[in-house]
Protein backbone atom coordinates (compact mmCIF):
# COMPACT_ATOMS: atom_id res chain seq x y z
CA UNK A 1 -32.80 13.19 28.23
CA UNK A 2 -32.93 10.12 30.46
CA UNK A 3 -29.79 8.28 31.46
CA UNK A 4 -29.94 4.87 29.82
CA UNK A 5 -27.95 2.06 31.40
CA UNK A 6 -26.89 -0.84 29.19
CA UNK A 7 -25.71 -4.17 30.55
CA UNK A 8 -22.86 -6.20 29.07
CA UNK A 9 -25.52 -8.60 27.80
CA UNK A 10 -27.23 -5.72 25.96
CA UNK A 11 -23.97 -4.71 24.32
CA UNK A 12 -23.11 -8.31 23.40
CA UNK A 13 -26.56 -8.75 21.84
CA UNK A 14 -26.04 -5.93 19.33
CA UNK A 15 -22.28 -6.07 18.85
CA UNK A 16 -20.92 -7.26 15.53
CA UNK A 17 -17.34 -6.99 16.75
CA UNK A 18 -16.00 -9.16 19.54
CA UNK A 19 -13.66 -7.54 22.05
CA UNK A 20 -10.00 -7.74 21.14
CA UNK A 21 -7.88 -10.02 23.23
CA UNK A 22 -4.73 -8.79 24.97
CA UNK A 23 -2.70 -10.73 22.39
CA UNK A 24 -4.51 -9.06 19.48
CA UNK A 25 -3.98 -5.62 21.00
CA UNK A 26 -0.27 -6.35 21.52
CA UNK A 27 0.05 -7.45 17.87
CA UNK A 28 -1.81 -4.42 16.46
CA UNK A 29 0.13 -2.21 14.05
CA UNK A 30 -0.47 1.41 13.00
CA UNK A 31 -2.68 2.02 9.96
CA UNK A 32 0.16 3.73 8.05
CA UNK A 33 2.37 0.70 8.58
CA UNK A 34 -0.25 -1.77 7.35
CA UNK A 35 -1.52 0.35 4.43
CA UNK A 36 1.31 2.76 3.53
CA UNK A 37 0.04 3.60 0.02
CA UNK A 38 -3.43 4.43 1.27
CA UNK A 39 -2.09 6.38 4.26
CA UNK A 40 0.10 8.45 1.90
CA UNK A 41 -2.99 9.48 -0.08
CA UNK A 42 -4.91 10.57 2.99
CA UNK A 43 -4.47 14.09 4.21
CA UNK A 44 -5.32 15.44 7.62
CA UNK A 45 -7.22 18.66 7.84
CA UNK A 46 -4.82 21.53 8.27
CA UNK A 47 -5.09 24.46 10.60
CA UNK A 48 -7.91 26.86 9.78
CA UNK A 49 -6.56 29.87 7.95
CA UNK A 50 -9.28 32.16 9.23
CA UNK A 51 -11.18 30.75 12.20
CA UNK A 52 -14.84 31.65 11.91
CA UNK A 53 -15.80 30.85 15.50
CA UNK A 54 -14.28 31.27 18.93
CA UNK A 55 -14.05 28.32 21.28
CA UNK A 56 -15.62 29.11 24.65
CA UNK A 57 -17.43 27.53 27.56
CA UNK A 58 -20.96 28.60 28.44
CA UNK A 59 -23.35 27.31 31.07
CA UNK A 60 -26.95 26.99 29.88
CA UNK A 61 -30.11 25.94 31.66
CA UNK A 62 -31.13 22.30 31.14
CA UNK A 63 -34.35 23.42 29.43
CA UNK A 64 -32.43 25.38 26.79
CA UNK A 65 -30.03 22.52 26.06
CA UNK A 66 -32.87 19.96 25.94
CA UNK A 67 -34.85 22.16 23.54
CA UNK A 68 -31.99 22.58 21.07
CA UNK A 69 -30.77 18.97 21.36
CA UNK A 70 -34.28 17.64 20.72
CA UNK A 71 -33.95 18.61 17.05
CA UNK A 72 -30.87 16.40 16.67
CA UNK A 73 -27.33 17.06 15.43
CA UNK A 74 -26.34 20.65 14.87
CA UNK A 75 -27.89 21.87 18.12
CA UNK A 76 -24.84 23.96 19.01
CA UNK A 77 -24.99 25.75 15.65
CA UNK A 78 -28.70 26.41 16.23
CA UNK A 79 -27.88 28.03 19.57
CA UNK A 80 -25.27 30.15 17.76
CA UNK A 81 -27.86 31.16 15.15
CA UNK A 82 -30.40 32.07 17.85
CA UNK A 83 -27.83 34.21 19.65
CA UNK A 84 -26.84 35.93 16.38
CA UNK A 85 -30.53 36.74 15.75
CA UNK A 86 -30.81 38.14 19.29
CA UNK A 87 -27.72 40.32 18.76
CA UNK A 88 -28.95 41.54 15.35
CA UNK A 89 -32.33 42.54 16.83
CA UNK A 90 -30.55 44.79 19.35
CA UNK A 91 -28.30 46.68 16.91
């Protein structure tokens, strides 16, 4: 995957939202304060009762990552599936 560099002009050309000013940022209020009824109806996802996967760090060759990423979102799950198939074939 090539590194793409965008200029400020590129970003401005496609941006629908202007940057907030320092004054606007200073005057910003939390969502729950502005929309308390809506915020009360929203629930955050709770802790998983039974985690199905283990968080880890793994170093992979660029070719492997590029191959799995080339098919789009879900590439990490596809690597997991490929490794599960590999493990199953050796049982």
